[in-house]
Protein backbone atom coordinates (compact mmCIF):
# COMPACT_ATOMS: atom_id res chain seq x y z
CA MET A 1 -127.13 126.15 146.88
CA SER A 2 -128.34 129.39 144.77
CA ASP A 3 -130.82 128.63 141.97
CA PRO A 4 -129.21 129.33 138.41
CA LYS A 5 -130.12 132.83 136.51
CA PRO A 6 -132.26 132.06 133.58
CA PRO A 7 -130.58 132.88 130.41
CA PRO A 8 -131.98 136.46 129.13
CA LYS A 9 -135.55 136.25 126.98
CA SER A 10 -134.61 137.06 123.66
CA GLY A 11 -136.45 140.03 121.66
CA PRO A 12 -135.71 143.99 120.57
CA ILE A 13 -132.50 145.47 121.91
CA PRO A 14 -133.02 148.83 123.34
CA ALA A 15 -131.89 151.92 121.99
CA ALA A 16 -129.32 152.91 124.74
CA LYS A 17 -127.50 149.40 124.51
CA LYS A 18 -127.33 149.50 120.12
CA ASP A 19 -125.82 152.58 120.90
CA GLU A 20 -123.23 150.90 123.15
CA LEU A 21 -122.78 147.92 120.88
CA GLU A 22 -122.26 150.35 118.02
CA LEU A 23 -119.57 152.35 119.94
CA ASP A 24 -117.45 149.21 120.87
CA LEU A 25 -117.35 148.06 116.97
CA PRO A 26 -114.21 149.09 114.80
CA PRO A 27 -114.49 152.00 112.40
CA LYS A 28 -115.02 150.84 108.69
CA ALA A 29 -111.92 150.67 106.50
CA GLY A 30 -111.97 153.54 103.66
CA PRO A 31 -110.01 154.09 100.64
CA ILE A 32 -106.34 153.35 101.34
CA SER A 33 -104.20 156.25 100.32
CA LEU A 34 -100.43 154.93 99.26
CA PRO A 35 -97.44 157.39 100.04
CA PRO A 36 -96.01 159.49 96.98
CA GLN A 37 -94.17 157.79 94.69
CA ARG A 38 -90.45 158.84 94.58
CA PRO A 39 -89.01 159.88 91.01
CA PRO A 40 -86.87 156.82 89.66
CA SER A 41 -82.84 157.39 90.92
CA ARG A 42 -80.34 157.88 87.89
CA PRO A 43 -78.53 154.92 86.54
CA ILE A 44 -75.20 154.08 87.85
CA THR A 45 -72.72 153.06 85.94
CA PRO A 46 -71.09 149.85 86.56
CA GLY A 47 -67.56 150.14 87.65
CA SER A 48 -67.72 153.72 87.94
CA GLY A 49 -69.53 155.05 91.09
CA ARG A 50 -70.68 158.03 89.63
CA ILE A 51 -74.35 158.42 88.45
CA ALA A 52 -74.68 159.01 84.61
CA ALA A 53 -75.83 162.29 83.06
CA ARG A 54 -79.33 162.46 81.27
CA PRO A 55 -79.94 162.25 77.91
CA SER A 56 -80.90 166.26 78.04
CA GLN A 57 -77.32 166.64 79.69
CA VAL A 58 -75.04 165.61 77.66
CA PRO A 59 -72.53 167.83 76.08
CA PHE A 60 -72.81 169.09 72.59
CA ASN A 61 -76.12 167.11 72.37
CA GLY A 62 -78.54 169.05 69.65
CA LEU A 63 -75.45 170.78 68.28
CA GLY A 64 -75.86 169.45 64.47
CA ALA A 65 -79.24 170.61 64.51
CA ARG A 66 -78.54 174.07 65.65
CA ILE A 67 -75.88 174.19 62.96
CA GLY A 68 -78.15 172.86 60.08
CA GLN A 69 -80.78 175.56 61.18
CA VAL A 70 -78.18 178.27 60.84
CA LEU A 71 -77.10 177.17 57.27
CA SER A 72 -80.52 176.85 56.42
CA ALA A 73 -81.25 180.36 57.17
CA ILE A 74 -78.21 181.58 55.67
CA THR A 75 -79.36 180.29 52.43
CA ARG A 76 -82.56 181.71 52.50
CA ALA A 77 -81.38 185.11 53.04
CA LEU A 78 -78.72 184.66 50.29
CA VAL A 79 -81.85 183.29 47.86
CA ARG A 80 -84.08 186.47 49.02
CA LEU A 81 -81.28 188.45 48.52
CA THR A 82 -80.42 187.38 44.81
CA ALA A 83 -83.90 187.61 44.10
CA VAL A 84 -84.02 191.24 44.99
CA LEU A 85 -81.07 192.25 42.91
CA PHE A 86 -82.06 190.13 39.77
CA ARG A 87 -85.63 191.61 40.18
CA GLY A 88 -83.84 195.14 40.33
CA ALA A 89 -81.14 194.92 37.62
CA GLN A 90 -84.31 193.31 34.90
CA ALA A 91 -86.53 196.31 36.34
CA LYS A 92 -83.85 198.62 35.38
CA SER A 93 -82.76 197.21 31.72
CA GLY A 94 -86.74 196.79 31.15
CA LYS A 95 -86.96 200.75 31.58
CA ALA A 96 -83.75 201.23 29.85
CA LEU A 97 -85.06 199.97 26.99
CA SER A 98 -88.16 201.56 27.06
CA GLU A 99 -86.77 204.82 27.22
CA PHE A 100 -84.59 203.88 24.12
CA GLN A 101 -87.87 202.92 22.44
CA ALA A 102 -89.48 206.14 23.46
CA ARG A 103 -87.24 208.39 21.17
CA PRO A 104 -87.27 209.92 18.58
CA GLU A 105 -86.43 207.58 15.15
CA HIS A 106 -83.79 209.81 14.28
CA THR A 107 -82.15 209.24 17.20
CA ARG A 108 -82.28 205.76 17.12
CA TRP A 109 -81.06 205.65 14.03
CA ARG A 110 -77.89 207.48 15.01
CA ALA A 111 -77.41 204.74 17.87
CA TYR A 112 -77.43 202.26 15.36
CA ALA A 113 -74.84 204.02 12.93
CA LEU A 114 -72.64 204.49 15.66
CA GLY A 115 -72.58 201.30 17.01
CA SER A 116 -72.38 199.64 13.45
CA TYR A 117 -69.15 201.99 13.02
CA SER A 118 -67.69 200.82 16.03
CA LEU A 119 -67.80 197.42 14.97
CA ILE A 120 -65.98 197.91 11.98
CA ALA A 121 -63.23 200.14 13.75
CA VAL A 122 -62.79 197.14 16.22
CA MET A 123 -62.76 194.54 13.40
CA THR A 124 -60.38 196.59 11.25
CA PHE A 125 -57.96 197.38 14.38
CA ALA A 126 -57.93 193.30 15.15
CA PHE A 127 -57.42 192.50 11.68
CA GLN A 128 -54.66 194.72 11.54
CA LEU A 129 -53.19 193.08 14.22
CA TRP A 130 -53.58 189.92 13.19
CA GLU A 131 -50.36 188.46 11.29
CA PRO A 132 -50.81 185.21 9.11
CA ASN A 133 -47.09 185.19 9.06
CA SER A 134 -46.29 184.95 12.27
CA LEU A 135 -42.70 184.15 11.73
CA GLN A 136 -42.05 186.58 9.12
CA ALA A 137 -40.48 183.99 6.66
CA TYR A 138 -39.73 184.82 3.06
CA VAL A 139 -40.03 181.94 0.47
CA ILE A 140 -39.42 181.51 -2.95
CA LEU A 141 -39.40 178.82 -5.55
CA GLN A 142 -36.24 178.94 -8.17
CA LYS A 143 -36.04 176.87 -10.91
CA VAL A 144 -32.71 177.29 -13.00
CA ALA A 145 -32.27 176.02 -16.26
CA LEU A 146 -28.24 175.12 -16.38
CA PRO A 147 -28.24 173.06 -14.73
CA ASP A 148 -31.78 171.86 -14.47
CA VAL A 149 -32.75 172.34 -10.84
CA THR A 150 -35.14 173.66 -8.42
CA ASN A 151 -33.95 175.34 -5.14
CA VAL A 152 -35.94 176.71 -2.06
CA PHE A 153 -34.99 180.13 -0.79
CA VAL A 154 -36.04 180.71 3.15
CA ARG A 155 -35.48 183.77 5.25
CA ASN A 156 -35.69 184.86 8.32
CA ASP A 157 -37.25 188.07 8.31
CA SER A 158 -38.47 188.97 11.66
CA LYS A 159 -36.21 190.30 14.42
CA LYS A 160 -35.78 186.69 16.69
CA VAL A 161 -33.91 183.94 15.93
CA TRP A 162 -35.47 180.35 15.28
CA LYS A 163 -34.18 177.72 16.79
CA ASP A 164 -34.99 173.85 16.12
CA VAL A 165 -35.78 174.70 12.62
CA LYS A 166 -37.09 172.35 10.09
CA LEU A 167 -38.38 172.23 6.62
CA THR A 168 -40.53 170.00 5.08
CA LEU A 169 -41.18 169.55 1.53
CA ASN A 170 -44.87 168.43 0.21
CA GLY A 171 -45.15 166.55 3.80
CA THR A 172 -42.70 163.96 3.53
CA TYR A 173 -38.92 165.08 2.52
CA THR A 174 -37.51 167.15 5.47
CA TYR A 175 -34.40 169.60 6.07
CA GLU A 176 -33.45 170.85 9.50
CA ARG A 177 -30.84 173.28 11.07
CA THR A 178 -30.02 174.16 14.94
CA ASP A 179 -31.29 177.88 14.20
CA LEU A 180 -31.49 180.52 11.69
CA GLN A 181 -30.70 184.03 12.78
CA PRO A 182 -32.91 187.03 11.71
CA GLY A 183 -31.93 188.18 7.91
CA GLN A 184 -30.39 184.88 7.26
CA HIS A 185 -31.44 182.74 4.41
CA VAL A 186 -31.33 179.40 3.69
CA LEU A 187 -30.91 178.12 -0.13
CA LEU A 188 -31.40 174.36 -0.82
CA ARG A 189 -31.92 172.25 -3.46
CA ILE A 190 -34.96 170.34 -3.82
CA ASP A 191 -33.32 167.05 -4.15
CA ARG A 192 -30.87 167.72 -0.72
CA PHE A 193 -34.47 167.11 1.12
CA SER A 194 -34.51 163.60 2.67
CA VAL A 195 -36.58 161.21 4.49
CA TYR A 196 -35.26 158.39 7.31
CA ASP A 197 -37.01 154.97 7.64
CA SER A 198 -37.41 153.04 9.95
CA ASN A 199 -33.90 151.58 9.41
CA GLY A 200 -32.45 155.06 9.37
CA LYS A 201 -31.72 154.78 5.76
CA THR A 202 -31.72 158.33 3.89
CA THR A 203 -33.80 158.72 0.78
CA PHE A 204 -33.54 161.73 -0.75
CA ALA A 205 -36.39 163.47 -3.02
CA PRO A 206 -36.01 163.30 -6.73
CA LYS A 207 -34.92 165.94 -8.99
CA ASP A 208 -38.01 165.96 -11.08
CA ILE A 209 -40.28 166.27 -7.84
CA VAL A 210 -42.96 169.00 -7.91
CA PRO A 211 -43.06 171.29 -4.97
CA HIS A 212 -46.52 171.94 -3.50
CA ASP A 213 -45.55 173.38 0.05
CA LEU A 214 -43.33 174.10 2.43
CA PRO A 215 -44.35 174.18 6.27
CA ILE A 216 -41.54 175.59 8.54
CA ASP A 217 -41.36 174.76 12.20
CA CYS A 218 -39.25 176.63 15.17
CA ASP A 219 -39.56 177.63 18.39
CA ARG A 220 -41.62 180.66 17.21
CA GLY A 221 -44.36 178.84 16.08
CA HIS A 222 -45.85 177.28 12.67
CA HIS A 223 -46.21 178.87 9.08
CA GLU A 224 -47.21 176.81 6.01
CA VAL A 225 -46.14 178.09 2.57
CA GLU A 226 -47.64 177.34 -0.62
CA LEU A 227 -45.12 177.11 -3.45
CA LYS A 228 -45.82 177.91 -7.06
């Protein structure tokens, strides 16, 4: 029976053995590199089976903003153009005024006189065209001694027919007729003018009434006559 081998003595490990031990050890762990992340997949609309479009791919996205920018640019261009035209007109008017003031004094007085004459001529022409008696009515008051009555004479001196004629005495009593032809007249006693109350009762003007005015109304217009 052989003798057992004595245990190895403890002591420093030789260099050769040390290298062999290091070769047998596993390598040290370094930083762990993760695989690159994939971009998130597009959201899928439930039930449709189609990939929903991204917000940037939505049709007409930002169309309102672009229209607003275009309108804003057009407005700015119009404002600039208006300002340029206004400055040009202001400069021309100022230049014309300066040139007029630089003229000799007699030239300016001649221009003032010509302008005043033109204004007077225009006003005269307008006054001639204006007709205070647009109906061309001829009205007189006739007083008769026997019998003691007062008549109102109204004549149509125009070339047009008066329709729906209404004569009003002192703003109260009236007389109406359907028409009055050109050249035709009405001779009416003042006590034939009448007024109707709410019940339809007719009241005639008194014989001793003092006539003051007689407005005439028809389809051609209105004219007031002061009776004397």
